[in-house]
């Protein structure tokens, strides 16, 4: 009997260790720097920023602060689709994700960030559960990204991956009427 109980305890420990470890905000620290709220957005920061001048200016005013001195906001690009905008509150340099982020709808804010961390959690499980119940739909599983100061890179199983492939044409290639 003792052998069986011991085996079960060891097996449970092995299974727990073998499971994927979710990144924590403390794994990607950032030093918080006080900033003003009226930086001018540098609209030519990337090929994607000129098309989103209004959204990026709104990000400066109302976006959530994270990674020490950045503001983040997101806006829809279709059903359960979002693009993320980030503005450096010290320099005005801006970023818009060149790929879409699959995001849960519903009433809450499904993106979680913290002022002293470079980690971005898309589809915060707590918010998704409140909107969709338990268990939440698989397509709205949590996704983690690391903000490098210039790129938003996916984090899988504790490893930072390359930036996902571009899914939108740059603004310079979009015809304007």
C-alpha atoms as a PDB file:
ATOM      1  CA  UNK A   1       0.000   0.000   0.000  1.00  0.00           C
ATOM      2  CA  UNK A   2       2.816   2.424   0.922  1.00  0.00           C
ATOM      3  CA  UNK A   3       4.553   1.624  -2.368  1.00  0.00           C
ATOM      4  CA  UNK A   4       1.396   2.398  -4.344  1.00  0.00           C
ATOM      5  CA  UNK A   5       0.845   5.723  -2.555  1.00  0.00           C
ATOM      6  CA  UNK A   6       4.502   6.658  -3.001  1.00  0.00           C
ATOM      7  CA  UNK A   7       4.299   5.815  -6.731  1.00  0.00           C
ATOM      8  CA  UNK A   8       1.161   7.957  -7.158  1.00  0.00           C
ATOM      9  CA  UNK A   9       2.779  10.933  -5.387  1.00  0.00           C
ATOM     10  CA  UNK A  10       5.928  10.652  -7.545  1.00  0.00           C
ATOM     11  CA  UNK A  11       3.845  10.294 -10.726  1.00  0.00           C
ATOM     12  CA  UNK A  12       1.823  13.417  -9.834  1.00  0.00           C
ATOM     13  CA  UNK A  13       5.024  15.377  -9.225  1.00  0.00           C
ATOM     14  CA  UNK A  14       6.494  14.286 -12.571  1.00  0.00           C
ATOM     15  CA  UNK A  15       3.288  15.235 -14.438  1.00  0.00           C
ATOM     16  CA  UNK A  16       3.232  18.647 -12.723  1.00  0.00           C
ATOM     17  CA  UNK A  17       6.850  19.362 -13.656  1.00  0.00           C
ATOM     18  CA  UNK A  18       6.302  18.179 -17.262  1.00  0.00           C
ATOM     19  CA  UNK A  19       3.403  20.612 -17.841  1.00  0.00           C
ATOM     20  CA  UNK A  20       4.065  23.863 -19.663  1.00  0.00           C
ATOM     21  CA  UNK A  21       4.981  26.687 -17.357  1.00  0.00           C
ATOM     22  CA  UNK A  22       3.148  29.920 -18.026  1.00  0.00           C
ATOM     23  CA  UNK A  23       5.408  32.968 -18.098  1.00  0.00           C
ATOM     24  CA  UNK A  24       5.083  35.331 -15.164  1.00  0.00           C
ATOM     25  CA  UNK A  25       5.266  39.100 -15.268  1.00  0.00           C
ATOM     26  CA  UNK A  26       8.201  38.934 -12.845  1.00  0.00           C
ATOM     27  CA  UNK A  27      10.157  36.843 -15.395  1.00  0.00           C
ATOM     28  CA  UNK A  28      10.432  39.929 -17.658  1.00  0.00           C
ATOM     29  CA  UNK A  29      11.051  42.924 -15.376  1.00  0.00           C
ATOM     30  CA  UNK A  30      11.246  46.552 -16.467  1.00  0.00           C
ATOM     31  CA  UNK A  31      12.270  49.628 -14.499  1.00  0.00           C
ATOM     32  CA  UNK A  32       9.391  52.097 -14.216  1.00  0.00           C
ATOM     33  CA  UNK A  33      10.263  55.620 -15.377  1.00  0.00           C
ATOM     34  CA  UNK A  34       7.877  58.519 -14.762  1.00  0.00           C
ATOM     35  CA  UNK A  35       6.721  60.141 -17.986  1.00  0.00           C
ATOM     36  CA  UNK A  36       4.419  62.913 -19.098  1.00  0.00           C
ATOM     37  CA  UNK A  37       1.255  62.186 -21.006  1.00  0.00           C
ATOM     38  CA  UNK A  38       1.803  64.545 -23.927  1.00  0.00           C
ATOM     39  CA  UNK A  39       4.538  63.067 -26.084  1.00  0.00           C
ATOM     40  CA  UNK A  40       4.222  63.585 -29.856  1.00  0.00           C
ATOM     41  CA  UNK A  41       3.773  60.286 -31.677  1.00  0.00           C
ATOM     42  CA  UNK A  42       6.473  59.693 -34.305  1.00  0.00           C
ATOM     43  CA  UNK A  43       4.198  58.564 -37.120  1.00  0.00           C
ATOM     44  CA  UNK A  44       6.985  57.259 -39.362  1.00  0.00           C
ATOM     45  CA  UNK A  45       8.435  54.936 -36.706  1.00  0.00           C
ATOM     46  CA  UNK A  46       7.523  51.808 -38.689  1.00  0.00           C
ATOM     47  CA  UNK A  47       5.847  51.053 -42.043  1.00  0.00           C
ATOM     48  CA  UNK A  48       2.584  50.418 -40.150  1.00  0.00           C
ATOM     49  CA  UNK A  49       2.306  53.499 -37.935  1.00  0.00           C
ATOM     50  CA  UNK A  50       1.198  56.197 -40.440  1.00  0.00           C
ATOM     51  CA  UNK A  51      -2.195  54.513 -40.988  1.00  0.00           C
ATOM     52  CA  UNK A  52      -3.019  54.532 -37.274  1.00  0.00           C
ATOM     53  CA  UNK A  53      -2.224  58.095 -36.196  1.00  0.00           C
ATOM     54  CA  UNK A  54      -5.529  58.585 -34.351  1.00  0.00           C
ATOM     55  CA  UNK A  55      -5.316  55.256 -32.546  1.00  0.00           C
ATOM     56  CA  UNK A  56      -1.697  55.857 -31.531  1.00  0.00           C
ATOM     57  CA  UNK A  57      -2.497  59.341 -30.212  1.00  0.00           C
ATOM     58  CA  UNK A  58      -5.336  57.796 -28.221  1.00  0.00           C
ATOM     59  CA  UNK A  59      -2.849  55.198 -26.932  1.00  0.00           C
ATOM     60  CA  UNK A  60      -0.705  58.001 -25.501  1.00  0.00           C
ATOM     61  CA  UNK A  61      -3.723  59.562 -23.756  1.00  0.00           C
ATOM     62  CA  UNK A  62      -5.631  56.478 -22.596  1.00  0.00           C
ATOM     63  CA  UNK A  63      -3.454  53.412 -23.141  1.00  0.00           C
ATOM     64  CA  UNK A  64      -2.371  51.257 -20.252  1.00  0.00           C
ATOM     65  CA  UNK A  65       1.189  51.824 -19.017  1.00  0.00           C
ATOM     66  CA  UNK A  66       3.647  48.953 -19.072  1.00  0.00           C
ATOM     67  CA  UNK A  67       7.315  47.977 -19.533  1.00  0.00           C
ATOM     68  CA  UNK A  68       8.558  50.998 -17.618  1.00  0.00           C
ATOM     69  CA  UNK A  69       7.664  53.844 -20.007  1.00  0.00           C
ATOM     70  CA  UNK A  70       5.357  52.536 -22.736  1.00  0.00           C
ATOM     71  CA  UNK A  71       1.616  52.798 -23.343  1.00  0.00           C
ATOM     72  CA  UNK A  72      -0.336  49.956 -24.984  1.00  0.00           C
ATOM     73  CA  UNK A  73      -3.788  49.857 -26.506  1.00  0.00           C
ATOM     74  CA  UNK A  74      -5.517  47.705 -29.101  1.00  0.00           C
ATOM     75  CA  UNK A  75      -8.263  48.091 -31.657  1.00  0.00           C
ATOM     76  CA  UNK A  76     -10.354  45.730 -33.723  1.00  0.00           C
ATOM     77  CA  UNK A  77      -9.517  44.577 -37.239  1.00  0.00           C
ATOM     78  CA  UNK A  78     -12.483  42.196 -37.619  1.00  0.00           C
ATOM     79  CA  UNK A  79     -14.280  39.586 -35.572  1.00  0.00           C
ATOM     80  CA  UNK A  80     -12.070  38.493 -32.667  1.00  0.00           C
ATOM     81  CA  UNK A  81      -9.162  40.249 -34.354  1.00  0.00           C
ATOM     82  CA  UNK A  82      -7.069  43.048 -32.902  1.00  0.00           C
ATOM     83  CA  UNK A  83      -3.967  45.023 -33.694  1.00  0.00           C
ATOM     84  CA  UNK A  84      -1.808  46.212 -30.855  1.00  0.00           C
ATOM     85  CA  UNK A  85      -0.350  49.707 -30.732  1.00  0.00           C
ATOM     86  CA  UNK A  86       2.523  50.679 -28.446  1.00  0.00           C
ATOM     87  CA  UNK A  87       4.023  54.139 -27.916  1.00  0.00           C
ATOM     88  CA  UNK A  88       7.257  54.975 -26.085  1.00  0.00           C
ATOM     89  CA  UNK A  89       6.244  57.772 -23.719  1.00  0.00           C
ATOM     90  CA  UNK A  90       9.819  59.128 -23.615  1.00  0.00           C
ATOM     91  CA  UNK A  91      10.572  59.362 -27.347  1.00  0.00           C
ATOM     92  CA  UNK A  92       7.204  59.081 -29.136  1.00  0.00           C
ATOM     93  CA  UNK A  93       8.423  56.085 -31.159  1.00  0.00           C
ATOM     94  CA  UNK A  94       5.384  53.997 -32.086  1.00  0.00           C
ATOM     95  CA  UNK A  95       4.700  50.398 -33.059  1.00  0.00           C
ATOM     96  CA  UNK A  96       1.675  48.679 -34.582  1.00  0.00           C
ATOM     97  CA  UNK A  97       1.636  44.891 -34.790  1.00  0.00           C
ATOM     98  CA  UNK A  98       2.057  43.835 -38.450  1.00  0.00           C
ATOM     99  CA  UNK A  99       0.048  40.708 -37.641  1.00  0.00           C
ATOM    100  CA  UNK A 100      -3.318  40.227 -36.003  1.00  0.00           C
ATOM    101  CA  UNK A 101      -3.877  39.023 -32.475  1.00  0.00           C
ATOM    102  CA  UNK A 102      -6.754  36.572 -31.940  1.00  0.00           C
ATOM    103  CA  UNK A 103      -8.594  38.142 -29.061  1.00  0.00           C
ATOM    104  CA  UNK A 104     -11.614  37.202 -27.001  1.00  0.00           C
ATOM    105  CA  UNK A 105     -14.597  39.522 -27.189  1.00  0.00           C
ATOM    106  CA  UNK A 106     -16.917  40.075 -24.304  1.00  0.00           C
ATOM    107  CA  UNK A 107     -17.076  42.752 -21.675  1.00  0.00           C
ATOM    108  CA  UNK A 108     -13.620  42.754 -20.075  1.00  0.00           C
ATOM    109  CA  UNK A 109     -10.194  43.838 -21.261  1.00  0.00           C
ATOM    110  CA  UNK A 110      -8.570  40.591 -22.377  1.00  0.00           C
ATOM    111  CA  UNK A 111      -5.023  42.020 -22.578  1.00  0.00           C
ATOM    112  CA  UNK A 112      -3.156  42.159 -19.289  1.00  0.00           C
ATOM    113  CA  UNK A 113       0.049  44.104 -18.731  1.00  0.00           C
ATOM    114  CA  UNK A 114       1.867  45.488 -15.711  1.00  0.00           C
ATOM    115  CA  UNK A 115       3.809  48.749 -15.354  1.00  0.00           C
ATOM    116  CA  UNK A 116       7.016  47.000 -14.262  1.00  0.00           C
ATOM    117  CA  UNK A 117       7.042  44.149 -16.804  1.00  0.00           C
ATOM    118  CA  UNK A 118       7.720  43.687 -20.530  1.00  0.00           C
ATOM    119  CA  UNK A 119       5.309  40.729 -20.714  1.00  0.00           C
ATOM    120  CA  UNK A 120       1.981  41.084 -22.548  1.00  0.00           C
ATOM    121  CA  UNK A 121      -0.719  38.514 -21.807  1.00  0.00           C
ATOM    122  CA  UNK A 122      -3.373  38.283 -24.512  1.00  0.00           C
ATOM    123  CA  UNK A 123      -6.604  36.521 -23.538  1.00  0.00           C
ATOM    124  CA  UNK A 124      -6.208  36.747 -19.790  1.00  0.00           C
ATOM    125  CA  UNK A 125      -7.835  33.485 -18.593  1.00  0.00           C
ATOM    126  CA  UNK A 126      -9.761  35.267 -15.819  1.00  0.00           C
ATOM    127  CA  UNK A 127     -11.412  37.682 -18.266  1.00  0.00           C
ATOM    128  CA  UNK A 128     -12.057  34.960 -20.865  1.00  0.00           C
ATOM    129  CA  UNK A 129     -13.730  32.728 -18.258  1.00  0.00           C
ATOM    130  CA  UNK A 130     -15.972  35.617 -17.165  1.00  0.00           C
ATOM    131  CA  UNK A 131     -17.078  36.148 -20.781  1.00  0.00           C
ATOM    132  CA  UNK A 132     -17.307  32.536 -22.020  1.00  0.00           C
ATOM    133  CA  UNK A 133     -17.596  30.315 -18.948  1.00  0.00           C
ATOM    134  CA  UNK A 134     -15.410  27.406 -17.909  1.00  0.00           C
ATOM    135  CA  UNK A 135     -13.791  25.834 -19.817  1.00  0.00           C
ATOM    136  CA  UNK A 136     -13.195  28.733 -22.212  1.00  0.00           C
ATOM    137  CA  UNK A 137     -13.031  28.106 -25.977  1.00  0.00           C
ATOM    138  CA  UNK A 138      -9.614  26.814 -27.099  1.00  0.00           C
ATOM    139  CA  UNK A 139      -9.164  29.598 -29.664  1.00  0.00           C
ATOM    140  CA  UNK A 140      -9.109  32.097 -26.799  1.00  0.00           C
ATOM    141  CA  UNK A 141      -6.336  30.401 -24.881  1.00  0.00           C
ATOM    142  CA  UNK A 142      -3.740  32.667 -23.286  1.00  0.00           C
ATOM    143  CA  UNK A 143      -0.909  33.927 -25.505  1.00  0.00           C
ATOM    144  CA  UNK A 144       2.196  35.589 -24.193  1.00  0.00           C
ATOM    145  CA  UNK A 145       4.396  38.190 -25.875  1.00  0.00           C
ATOM    146  CA  UNK A 146       7.605  39.956 -24.912  1.00  0.00           C
ATOM    147  CA  UNK A 147       8.003  43.640 -25.756  1.00  0.00           C
ATOM    148  CA  UNK A 148      11.635  44.252 -26.745  1.00  0.00           C
ATOM    149  CA  UNK A 149      11.307  47.990 -27.249  1.00  0.00           C
ATOM    150  CA  UNK A 150      10.897  47.531 -31.014  1.00  0.00           C
ATOM    151  CA  UNK A 151       9.064  44.224 -31.528  1.00  0.00           C
ATOM    152  CA  UNK A 152       6.351  42.154 -29.895  1.00  0.00           C
ATOM    153  CA  UNK A 153       7.682  38.589 -29.841  1.00  0.00           C
ATOM    154  CA  UNK A 154       5.741  35.450 -28.863  1.00  0.00           C
ATOM    155  CA  UNK A 155       6.813  33.507 -25.785  1.00  0.00           C
ATOM    156  CA  UNK A 156       6.253  29.745 -25.988  1.00  0.00           C
ATOM    157  CA  UNK A 157       7.070  27.499 -23.082  1.00  0.00           C
ATOM    158  CA  UNK A 158       9.524  30.006 -21.634  1.00  0.00           C
ATOM    159  CA  UNK A 159      11.315  30.636 -24.947  1.00  0.00           C
ATOM    160  CA  UNK A 160      11.048  33.805 -26.986  1.00  0.00           C
ATOM    161  CA  UNK A 161      10.260  33.154 -30.640  1.00  0.00           C
ATOM    162  CA  UNK A 162      10.689  35.265 -33.777  1.00  0.00           C
ATOM    163  CA  UNK A 163       8.150  37.906 -34.702  1.00  0.00           C
ATOM    164  CA  UNK A 164       5.196  36.295 -36.511  1.00  0.00           C
ATOM    165  CA  UNK A 165       4.915  36.777 -40.261  1.00  0.00           C
ATOM    166  CA  UNK A 166       3.436  40.016 -41.537  1.00  0.00           C
ATOM    167  CA  UNK A 167      -0.287  39.620 -42.221  1.00  0.00           C
ATOM    168  CA  UNK A 168      -1.108  43.152 -43.320  1.00  0.00           C
ATOM    169  CA  UNK A 169       0.311  45.281 -46.092  1.00  0.00           C
ATOM    170  CA  UNK A 170       2.417  48.208 -44.856  1.00  0.00           C
ATOM    171  CA  UNK A 171       0.701  51.606 -45.095  1.00  0.00           C
ATOM    172  CA  UNK A 172       2.990  52.635 -47.959  1.00  0.00           C
ATOM    173  CA  UNK A 173       1.508  49.845 -50.108  1.00  0.00           C
ATOM    174  CA  UNK A 174      -2.122  50.720 -49.385  1.00  0.00           C
ATOM    175  CA  UNK A 175      -3.681  52.990 -51.962  1.00  0.00           C
ATOM    176  CA  UNK A 176      -5.274  56.101 -50.526  1.00  0.00           C
ATOM    177  CA  UNK A 177      -8.065  57.943 -52.229  1.00  0.00           C
END
